[in-house]
Structure formats: C-alpha cells, structure tokens
C-alpha cells in the first residue's frame, strides 16, 4: 500500500496539484484501491490532528506576524538594521540579513520574510550598485533565518508530531539562527570587500540611533516575550499565541497608530488563507502517517538503518541527505509532517534528542526553500529582482556553505541546540 500511495502522490504532485491535496489523494486512493483497511479510517485520521490544542497556536502566530508586518514595523526594522550595520562593507547586504533575523521574531515564516524584505531591499540594493541577482540571492537565503527564530511555525508543527516541548524547541532554534545571521553577514562583508561594492553611510547622531532603537523595540520585544512566557511556564503555546495577537494589536493601535479597518481585514484574510493551507497539509499528513504506521514502515526503516549503517553519525548523515533531497521538492511544513514520524523513531533508536532533531530538520529542509528546482524563496527573490532563477542561484554558493556549516554543527554537536 505504501508503494502505491507514494506513486499516486508523486504523479498527482507532478500534475500541479497542491501538496495538501496530493497527499490526501495519494493516501486515500491507495486505501480505496487496495481495500486493506476501511475507507472511513482515512476520514477519521483526517480530522484527528484537529483535536490537538497546540495547533490552535498556528493561526494566532500567523495573525500576529501579519499584523506586525503590514504596518510601519517593517520600516522601523530596516531602519534599525541600517543604522547598526549599514556603514560597513557590504552594508546593504548585511542590512538585508539582519532585517531577516529581526523579521523572524515577528513572522516565523521564510516566505513572508522573503516577500517583505525583498520588496524593499532588492530595489534599494540595485540602486546602490549591487547586482540584482546577488540582491535576490541574499534575500532568498537569509529569509530561512525566520524559521529558526521564535515564533517558528515549522518548529511548532514538529512539536505536535513528536510531543516535544514548544519552549525547548523555540529556545533551541535561537543559537543556530544567530549563527546563521552572523555567518551570512560575514559573507556579505567579504563580498562587499572583494567586489568593491560602495559603502553606504548610515552614521546618524546618537539621538537618532536612540530614537530608532526605541521605535523598533516593540518588534524586538515580541520574540523575547514569547520565550519568557513559555520558558517560565506562565502560559501554554496557545495562550502565548493569543497574547502575541493582543500585543500586536496594542502596538499597532497605541504606539504606531497605523491600524485601520482595511489593514486589519487584509491581515485576517491572509491569516485564514495561510492557515487553511497549513491545516490541510497537517490533516492529509495524518492519513499518510496512519498508512505508514499500519504497515510498520517507521520500525522497518529504523531496523534497516541500525543493521546496515550501525553508527549513529552515519544514520544522521543519511537523514541529512534524505532531507536535503526532499526539501528541494516539497514545502518545509509538509516535509516535516511526512518525514517527522519516520525520523522520530530513528532518533529514539540512536538516542538523538528530539529537540535537536527538530532544529536539524527545520534548518535542513529550509535550505530547500532557496534551492532549485522548487525553492519558494528563490523564486520569490528572482521575481522581485527581475532576474532568472538560474542567475540568482549562481550567486548562492557561499550562502549554501554557511547553511551547511551551521547544519553540521546543529546535527552533530548537541550544545548548539542547548542539549
């Protein structure tokens, strides 16, 4: 049944059907065609994930990000990043990277980050003499920092399928996210030095810098507030997500005073659409997981890996390669839902912390977001830069090296995920 399900899924996906529908059609098609289990089992498992209270946090975190990013918040974040690093070699590239890290604490979405940052930074960098393809490459690659900085939707999804602590996962993502930020900023500095990009002057007076920090403080405070509430046990992830929405509304209404009815409506509609896509993938993946579990596929893979590979470092290497390949073709959240149940069993077999596995999976699969042929942030950045995907991809090689180095450290050194 698993083989038929896989074939149906690949065929339907190649026909251009959205990933959630492709998963559902593949799984239910295999169940009905072979008749090995009642069809109503598929329906029951389709709705089973909706009973998970933690998943209620997803639409609220999406809503808080939409509210924060749709106002003047983006201008404040970019302005702060410009004052901090814009004066150095490759300054605008570093602004792009640092802005992505700051946006990550608001949105938790790489796609939203690439769209928001790219729309502002790519034209600005092009006007200052940066090649548009390079500007697109920096935007596409740095946007994945957003899925490591809390609140991260992929880490939240992994927590639901592995029964891991959301607070531990959010904390574990901070150090890899900061490492990736520093490395990519270093790459931008070196590119600016060797390719002689102009140095922009963002000197500002101490008073101007102080005012800019104060104006951007609400955005910086959001991820800190989320981590504090979770880590101190003050609130559950769902309660924290609702608090984040209330915080975003108060910031927009009382501090920035830029929230109107049209902006609120646009944020709500965007949240509903995004949540619908995510929840369909989660529901469909539950049916797929049931089919895999019914045929004992996770245990079979675990036994094979332990027998054939033996050493834990080899099994981790195998997992890395599989995730890199899958991430090139399947969206991040869907890939976590598909591979998560299989790799959780493997992690338990080799005593790999599930928190470390969650961060490893998220970063690993996020690399696929800026990798051809289906990299979402790569296509967004190429469209904003008005360059071909191939020309943008050719500028990405140093950023692949940075991401690969952080991935190896996260995968093999538990300390970097606070384990």
Protein backbone atom coordinates (compact mmCIF):
# COMPACT_ATOMS: atom_id res chain seq x y z
CA UNK A 1 0.00 0.00 0.00
CA UNK A 2 2.84 2.40 0.83
CA UNK A 3 4.35 1.93 -2.64
CA UNK A 4 1.04 2.69 -4.35
CA UNK A 5 0.47 5.69 -2.11
CA UNK A 6 3.92 7.06 -2.98
CA UNK A 7 3.39 6.60 -6.71
CA UNK A 8 -0.03 8.27 -6.60
CA UNK A 9 1.35 11.17 -4.56
CA UNK A 10 4.27 11.79 -6.95
CA UNK A 11 2.07 11.58 -10.05
CA UNK A 12 -0.59 13.91 -8.65
CA UNK A 13 2.03 16.39 -7.42
CA UNK A 14 3.73 16.43 -10.83
CA UNK A 15 0.36 17.34 -12.34
CA UNK A 16 0.49 20.56 -10.34
CA UNK A 17 -1.96 19.64 -7.58
CA UNK A 18 -1.23 21.47 -4.28
CA UNK A 19 0.80 19.43 -1.81
CA UNK A 20 -2.01 19.01 0.73
CA UNK A 21 -4.46 17.70 -1.84
CA UNK A 22 -1.75 15.49 -3.39
CA UNK A 23 -1.04 13.86 -0.02
CA UNK A 24 -4.73 13.27 0.62
CA UNK A 25 -5.41 11.87 -2.85
CA UNK A 26 -2.38 9.59 -2.69
CA UNK A 27 -3.23 8.14 0.72
CA UNK A 28 -6.99 7.73 0.26
CA UNK A 29 -6.50 6.48 -3.29
CA UNK A 30 -4.23 3.70 -2.05
CA UNK A 31 -6.63 2.80 0.78
CA UNK A 32 -9.64 2.57 -1.54
CA UNK A 33 -7.81 0.80 -4.39
CA UNK A 34 -6.30 -1.96 -2.27
CA UNK A 35 -9.13 -2.30 0.22
CA UNK A 36 -6.73 -3.34 3.01
CA UNK A 37 -8.46 -1.09 5.53
CA UNK A 38 -11.87 0.62 5.78
CA UNK A 39 -12.12 3.90 3.92
CA UNK A 40 -13.70 5.54 6.96
CA UNK A 41 -10.32 5.13 8.70
CA UNK A 42 -8.93 7.74 6.33
CA UNK A 43 -11.70 10.16 7.26
CA UNK A 44 -11.18 9.59 10.98
CA UNK A 45 -7.44 10.25 10.70
CA UNK A 46 -8.08 13.28 8.53
CA UNK A 47 -9.77 15.04 11.45
CA UNK A 48 -7.72 13.55 14.28
CA UNK A 49 -4.98 16.26 14.26
CA UNK A 50 -7.62 18.97 14.66
CA UNK A 51 -8.14 17.77 18.24
CA UNK A 52 -4.60 18.87 19.16
CA UNK A 53 -4.97 22.04 21.21
CA UNK A 54 -1.41 23.18 20.44
CA UNK A 55 -2.30 23.58 16.75
CA UNK A 56 -4.65 26.41 17.68
CA UNK A 57 -1.47 28.45 18.16
CA UNK A 58 -0.69 28.33 14.43
CA UNK A 59 -3.37 30.77 13.18
CA UNK A 60 -2.72 33.16 16.07
CA UNK A 61 1.05 33.26 15.47
CA UNK A 62 0.35 33.79 11.76
CA UNK A 63 -2.08 36.59 12.64
CA UNK A 64 0.36 38.31 14.99
CA UNK A 65 3.03 38.22 12.27
CA UNK A 66 0.63 39.58 9.65
CA UNK A 67 -0.41 42.44 11.94
CA UNK A 68 3.15 43.39 12.83
CA UNK A 69 4.50 43.21 9.28
CA UNK A 70 1.70 45.03 7.48
CA UNK A 71 2.29 48.40 9.16
CA UNK A 72 5.26 50.68 9.63
CA UNK A 73 7.00 47.92 11.62
CA UNK A 74 8.96 46.86 8.53
CA UNK A 75 10.31 50.37 8.03
CA UNK A 76 11.39 50.53 11.68
CA UNK A 77 13.19 47.17 11.49
CA UNK A 78 15.02 48.05 8.27
CA UNK A 79 15.87 51.48 9.65
CA UNK A 80 17.38 49.94 12.79
CA UNK A 81 19.37 47.39 10.79
CA UNK A 82 20.65 50.17 8.54
CA UNK A 83 21.91 52.21 11.46
CA UNK A 84 23.59 49.19 13.05
CA UNK A 85 25.43 47.65 10.07
CA UNK A 86 24.76 49.79 7.00
CA UNK A 87 28.04 51.66 7.35
CA UNK A 88 30.24 48.58 6.85
CA UNK A 89 31.47 46.82 3.69
CA UNK A 90 28.58 45.06 2.01
CA UNK A 91 26.40 47.13 4.32
CA UNK A 92 23.11 46.79 2.47
CA UNK A 93 23.58 43.04 2.20
CA UNK A 94 24.15 42.91 5.95
CA UNK A 95 21.06 45.06 6.48
CA UNK A 96 19.12 42.51 4.44
CA UNK A 97 20.38 39.62 6.58
CA UNK A 98 19.93 41.36 9.93
CA UNK A 99 16.49 42.54 8.86
CA UNK A 100 15.54 38.92 8.15
CA UNK A 101 16.63 37.92 11.65
CA UNK A 102 14.54 40.71 13.17
CA UNK A 103 11.59 39.90 10.94
CA UNK A 104 11.90 36.27 12.01
CA UNK A 105 10.98 37.30 15.54
CA UNK A 106 7.76 38.71 14.17
CA UNK A 107 6.61 36.46 11.32
CA UNK A 108 8.14 32.99 11.84
CA UNK A 109 7.77 32.44 8.09
CA UNK A 110 10.55 32.39 5.49
CA UNK A 111 8.16 33.08 2.62
CA UNK A 112 6.66 36.13 4.35
CA UNK A 113 10.17 37.35 5.15
CA UNK A 114 11.40 36.96 1.57
CA UNK A 115 8.37 38.84 0.24
CA UNK A 116 8.53 41.69 2.77
CA UNK A 117 12.31 42.18 2.84
CA UNK A 118 12.78 41.55 -0.87
CA UNK A 119 10.21 44.15 -1.90
CA UNK A 120 12.17 46.83 -0.01
CA UNK A 121 15.78 45.70 -0.08
CA UNK A 122 16.26 44.35 -3.62
CA UNK A 123 15.36 47.63 -5.41
CA UNK A 124 17.35 49.61 -2.82
CA UNK A 125 20.44 47.43 -3.23
CA UNK A 126 20.18 47.60 -7.02
CA UNK A 127 20.07 51.40 -6.92
CA UNK A 128 23.23 51.39 -4.78
CA UNK A 129 25.19 49.30 -7.30
CA UNK A 130 24.62 45.74 -6.10
CA UNK A 131 23.95 43.19 -8.88
CA UNK A 132 20.22 42.36 -8.81
CA UNK A 133 20.98 38.62 -8.89
CA UNK A 134 23.14 38.92 -5.78
CA UNK A 135 20.49 41.00 -4.04
CA UNK A 136 18.00 38.26 -4.79
CA UNK A 137 20.40 35.57 -3.55
CA UNK A 138 20.91 37.36 -0.22
CA UNK A 139 17.17 37.78 0.22
CA UNK A 140 16.35 34.16 -0.69
CA UNK A 141 18.97 32.63 1.58
CA UNK A 142 18.70 34.93 4.61
CA UNK A 143 14.92 34.50 4.77
CA UNK A 144 15.33 30.99 6.21
CA UNK A 145 16.61 32.55 9.44
CA UNK A 146 12.95 33.32 10.12
CA UNK A 147 12.08 29.64 10.65
CA UNK A 148 14.65 29.33 13.45
CA UNK A 149 13.86 32.49 15.43
CA UNK A 150 10.72 32.21 17.62
CA UNK A 151 7.85 32.08 16.89
CA UNK A 152 8.67 29.42 14.29
CA UNK A 153 5.68 27.71 12.65
CA UNK A 154 7.78 24.68 11.45
CA UNK A 155 9.15 24.11 14.97
CA UNK A 156 5.62 24.34 16.35
CA UNK A 157 4.46 21.73 13.83
CA UNK A 158 7.35 19.44 14.77
CA UNK A 159 6.41 19.79 18.43
CA UNK A 160 2.91 18.48 17.70
CA UNK A 161 4.09 15.35 15.87
CA UNK A 162 6.90 14.50 18.31
CA UNK A 163 5.29 15.54 21.61
CA UNK A 164 8.31 17.75 22.26
CA UNK A 165 8.27 20.91 24.35
CA UNK A 166 7.49 24.01 22.27
CA UNK A 167 9.50 26.15 24.71
CA UNK A 168 12.57 23.89 24.37
CA UNK A 169 12.32 23.90 20.57
CA UNK A 170 11.95 27.68 20.40
CA UNK A 171 14.96 28.14 22.71
CA UNK A 172 17.00 25.61 20.72
CA UNK A 173 16.41 27.50 17.47
CA UNK A 174 17.84 30.79 18.73
CA UNK A 175 21.58 29.95 18.67
CA UNK A 176 21.52 28.35 15.16
CA UNK A 177 19.51 31.32 13.93
CA UNK A 178 22.04 33.79 15.33
CA UNK A 179 24.95 31.72 13.97
CA UNK A 180 23.42 31.75 10.51
CA UNK A 181 22.85 35.51 10.78
CA UNK A 182 26.48 36.21 11.73
CA UNK A 183 27.89 33.92 9.01
CA UNK A 184 25.73 35.41 6.27
CA UNK A 185 26.57 38.93 7.38
CA UNK A 186 30.26 37.95 7.23
CA UNK A 187 29.76 36.68 3.68
CA UNK A 188 28.14 39.99 2.71
CA UNK A 189 31.12 41.84 4.20
CA UNK A 190 33.61 39.74 2.22
CA UNK A 191 31.59 40.10 -0.98
CA UNK A 192 31.49 43.86 -0.47
CA UNK A 193 35.26 43.93 0.09
CA UNK A 194 36.35 41.76 -2.84
CA UNK A 195 33.75 43.02 -5.32
CA UNK A 196 34.20 46.66 -4.30
CA UNK A 197 30.59 47.49 -3.57
CA UNK A 198 30.00 51.10 -2.48
CA UNK A 199 29.92 51.81 1.24
CA UNK A 200 26.66 53.45 2.29
CA UNK A 201 26.83 55.99 5.07
CA UNK A 202 24.32 55.46 7.86
CA UNK A 203 26.14 57.30 10.59
CA UNK A 204 23.32 59.11 12.37
CA UNK A 205 23.61 61.02 15.63
CA UNK A 206 23.42 59.22 18.97
CA UNK A 207 19.98 60.75 19.45
CA UNK A 208 18.78 59.46 16.08
CA UNK A 209 20.10 56.00 16.85
CA UNK A 210 18.44 56.01 20.24
CA UNK A 211 15.10 57.03 18.75
CA UNK A 212 15.39 54.33 16.07
CA UNK A 213 16.11 51.65 18.67
CA UNK A 214 13.12 52.79 20.72
CA UNK A 215 10.84 52.81 17.68
CA UNK A 216 11.90 49.25 16.70
CA UNK A 217 11.83 47.95 20.28
CA UNK A 218 8.26 46.56 20.06
CA UNK A 219 9.35 44.22 17.23
CA UNK A 220 12.47 43.10 19.10
CA UNK A 221 10.44 42.57 22.28
CA UNK A 222 7.94 40.13 20.73
CA UNK A 223 10.19 37.03 20.46
CA UNK A 224 11.68 37.80 23.88
CA UNK A 225 8.19 37.96 25.36
CA UNK A 226 7.22 34.67 23.69
CA UNK A 227 10.30 32.86 25.00
CA UNK A 228 9.89 34.31 28.51
CA UNK A 229 6.23 33.31 28.79
CA UNK A 230 6.94 29.79 27.57
CA UNK A 231 10.20 29.21 29.41
CA UNK A 232 8.87 30.46 32.75
CA UNK A 233 5.76 28.33 32.41
CA UNK A 234 3.46 31.34 32.63
CA UNK A 235 1.39 30.34 29.61
CA UNK A 236 0.90 27.48 27.15
CA UNK A 237 1.90 27.88 23.48
CA UNK A 238 -1.72 28.53 22.52
CA UNK A 239 -2.13 31.16 25.23
CA UNK A 240 1.14 32.77 24.19
CA UNK A 241 -0.03 32.95 20.56
CA UNK A 242 -3.24 34.73 21.61
CA UNK A 243 -1.17 37.08 23.76
CA UNK A 244 1.03 37.80 20.73
CA UNK A 245 -2.03 38.85 18.69
CA UNK A 246 -3.22 41.13 21.52
CA UNK A 247 0.30 42.57 21.76
CA UNK A 248 0.43 43.21 18.01
CA UNK A 249 -2.95 44.97 18.10
CA UNK A 250 -1.90 47.17 21.02
CA UNK A 251 1.39 48.08 19.32
CA UNK A 252 -0.35 49.00 16.07
CA UNK A 253 -3.11 50.98 17.80
CA UNK A 254 -1.31 52.69 20.70
CA UNK A 255 2.32 53.02 19.56
CA UNK A 256 2.42 53.20 15.76
CA UNK A 257 -1.22 54.28 15.34
CA UNK A 258 -1.38 52.92 11.80
CA UNK A 259 -4.01 50.19 12.14
CA UNK A 260 -7.16 50.81 10.13
CA UNK A 261 -10.03 48.56 9.16
CA UNK A 262 -8.63 47.70 5.72
CA UNK A 263 -5.28 46.66 7.20
CA UNK A 264 -6.99 44.53 9.85
CA UNK A 265 -9.19 42.91 7.22
CA UNK A 266 -6.22 42.18 4.94
CA UNK A 267 -4.30 40.58 7.82
CA UNK A 268 -7.31 38.47 8.77
CA UNK A 269 -7.91 37.25 5.21
CA UNK A 270 -4.22 36.42 4.77
CA UNK A 271 -4.21 34.51 8.07
CA UNK A 272 -7.27 32.48 7.11
CA UNK A 273 -5.81 31.56 3.71
CA UNK A 274 -2.41 30.58 5.12
CA UNK A 275 -3.95 28.63 8.00
CA UNK A 276 -6.18 26.74 5.58
CA UNK A 277 -3.18 25.62 3.53
CA UNK A 278 -1.18 24.57 6.61
CA UNK A 279 -4.05 22.71 8.26
CA UNK A 280 -4.91 20.83 5.05
CA UNK A 281 -1.31 19.62 4.85
CA UNK A 282 -1.39 18.61 8.53
CA UNK A 283 -4.68 16.73 8.11
CA UNK A 284 -3.55 14.95 4.94
CA UNK A 285 -0.21 14.03 6.50
CA UNK A 286 -2.09 12.35 9.34
CA UNK A 287 -3.68 9.95 6.85
CA UNK A 288 -0.28 9.26 5.29
CA UNK A 289 1.24 8.62 8.73
CA UNK A 290 -1.56 6.18 9.53
CA UNK A 291 -0.86 4.18 6.37
CA UNK A 292 2.87 4.11 7.15
CA UNK A 293 2.22 3.05 10.75
CA UNK A 294 -0.27 0.36 9.68
CA UNK A 295 2.45 -1.24 7.56
CA UNK A 296 5.09 -0.70 10.28
CA UNK A 297 7.24 1.33 7.89
CA UNK A 298 8.95 3.53 10.55
CA UNK A 299 10.12 0.49 12.53
CA UNK A 300 11.28 -1.27 9.36
CA UNK A 301 13.34 1.77 8.32
CA UNK A 302 14.79 2.04 11.82
CA UNK A 303 15.79 -1.63 11.88
CA UNK A 304 17.33 -1.37 8.42
CA UNK A 305 19.33 1.75 9.34
CA UNK A 306 20.63 0.23 12.57
CA UNK A 307 21.57 -3.02 10.84
CA UNK A 308 23.08 -1.56 7.68
CA UNK A 309 24.65 1.68 8.89
CA UNK A 310 25.13 0.91 12.57
CA UNK A 311 26.95 4.04 13.72
CA UNK A 312 24.73 6.97 14.85
CA UNK A 313 26.80 9.50 12.86
CA UNK A 314 26.17 7.55 9.67
CA UNK A 315 22.42 7.42 10.38
CA UNK A 316 22.40 11.18 10.98
CA UNK A 317 24.28 11.67 7.69
CA UNK A 318 21.67 9.55 5.91
CA UNK A 319 18.89 11.64 7.44
CA UNK A 320 20.62 14.85 6.33
CA UNK A 321 20.92 13.65 2.72
CA UNK A 322 17.30 12.48 2.60
CA UNK A 323 16.05 15.79 4.00
CA UNK A 324 18.17 17.83 1.59
CA UNK A 325 16.70 15.95 -1.37
CA UNK A 326 13.12 16.03 -0.10
CA UNK A 327 13.41 19.73 0.78
CA UNK A 328 14.25 20.52 -2.83
CA UNK A 329 10.83 19.33 -3.97
CA UNK A 330 8.40 19.55 -1.05
CA UNK A 331 7.42 22.53 1.11
CA UNK A 332 9.03 22.81 4.55
CA UNK A 333 5.95 22.16 6.71
CA UNK A 334 4.77 19.27 4.54
CA UNK A 335 8.22 17.68 4.59
CA UNK A 336 8.36 17.88 8.40
CA UNK A 337 4.97 16.20 8.63
CA UNK A 338 5.99 13.47 6.19
CA UNK A 339 9.48 12.70 7.49
CA UNK A 340 8.95 13.56 11.14
CA UNK A 341 7.22 10.31 12.21
CA UNK A 342 9.94 8.27 10.47
CA UNK A 343 12.88 10.22 11.88
CA UNK A 344 11.47 10.39 15.42
CA UNK A 345 11.70 6.59 15.55
CA UNK A 346 15.26 6.72 14.21
CA UNK A 347 16.22 9.43 16.71
CA UNK A 348 14.92 7.36 19.61
CA UNK A 349 16.91 4.37 18.35
CA UNK A 350 20.22 6.28 18.36
CA UNK A 351 19.48 8.42 21.47
CA UNK A 352 19.29 11.65 19.47
CA UNK A 353 17.40 14.38 21.33
CA UNK A 354 14.05 15.15 19.69
CA UNK A 355 14.66 18.86 20.27
CA UNK A 356 17.97 18.60 18.41
CA UNK A 357 16.21 16.60 15.68
CA UNK A 358 13.52 19.27 15.35
CA UNK A 359 16.01 22.09 14.81
CA UNK A 360 18.07 19.90 12.48
CA UNK A 361 15.02 19.03 10.38
CA UNK A 362 13.82 22.62 10.23
CA UNK A 363 17.17 24.02 9.11
CA UNK A 364 17.85 21.12 6.75
CA UNK A 365 14.53 21.34 4.98
CA UNK A 366 14.66 25.16 4.99
CA UNK A 367 17.75 25.00 2.78
CA UNK A 368 15.44 23.57 0.14
CA UNK A 369 13.49 26.85 0.18
CA UNK A 370 16.31 28.57 -1.72
CA UNK A 371 17.43 25.54 -3.74
CA UNK A 372 16.26 24.75 -7.30
CA UNK A 373 14.09 23.38 -8.76
CA UNK A 374 11.18 24.28 -6.45
CA UNK A 375 12.73 26.71 -3.94
CA UNK A 376 9.93 29.04 -2.87
CA UNK A 377 12.03 31.91 -1.55
CA UNK A 378 14.38 31.55 -4.53
CA UNK A 379 11.51 32.07 -6.98
CA UNK A 380 10.13 35.00 -4.94
CA UNK A 381 13.52 36.71 -4.81
CA UNK A 382 14.19 36.09 -8.51
CA UNK A 383 10.82 37.61 -9.42
CA UNK A 384 11.46 40.68 -7.24
CA UNK A 385 14.97 41.06 -8.68
CA UNK A 386 13.59 40.60 -12.21
CA UNK A 387 16.29 38.05 -12.94
CA UNK A 388 16.20 34.40 -13.96
CA UNK A 389 16.22 31.75 -11.25
CA UNK A 390 19.49 30.41 -12.68
CA UNK A 391 21.30 33.75 -12.40
CA UNK A 392 20.19 34.15 -8.76
CA UNK A 393 21.12 30.54 -7.96
CA UNK A 394 24.67 31.10 -9.26
CA UNK A 395 25.20 33.75 -6.58
CA UNK A 396 24.06 31.45 -3.79
CA UNK A 397 27.09 29.16 -3.34
CA UNK A 398 28.69 30.99 -0.36
CA UNK A 399 25.34 31.04 1.43
CA UNK A 400 24.95 27.29 0.86
CA UNK A 401 28.33 26.83 2.55
CA UNK A 402 27.25 28.88 5.56
CA UNK A 403 23.98 26.99 5.89
CA UNK A 404 25.75 23.64 5.51
CA UNK A 405 28.26 24.51 8.24
CA UNK A 406 25.54 25.52 10.70
CA UNK A 407 23.57 22.39 9.77
CA UNK A 408 26.54 20.12 10.53
CA UNK A 409 27.14 21.83 13.88
CA UNK A 410 23.48 21.53 14.83
CA UNK A 411 23.35 17.88 13.71
CA UNK A 412 26.49 16.63 15.44
CA UNK A 413 27.07 19.00 18.37
CA UNK A 414 24.11 18.96 20.81
CA UNK A 415 25.48 22.03 22.62
CA UNK A 416 24.38 24.28 19.76
CA UNK A 417 20.75 23.34 20.42
CA UNK A 418 21.17 23.66 24.20
CA UNK A 419 21.03 19.87 24.66
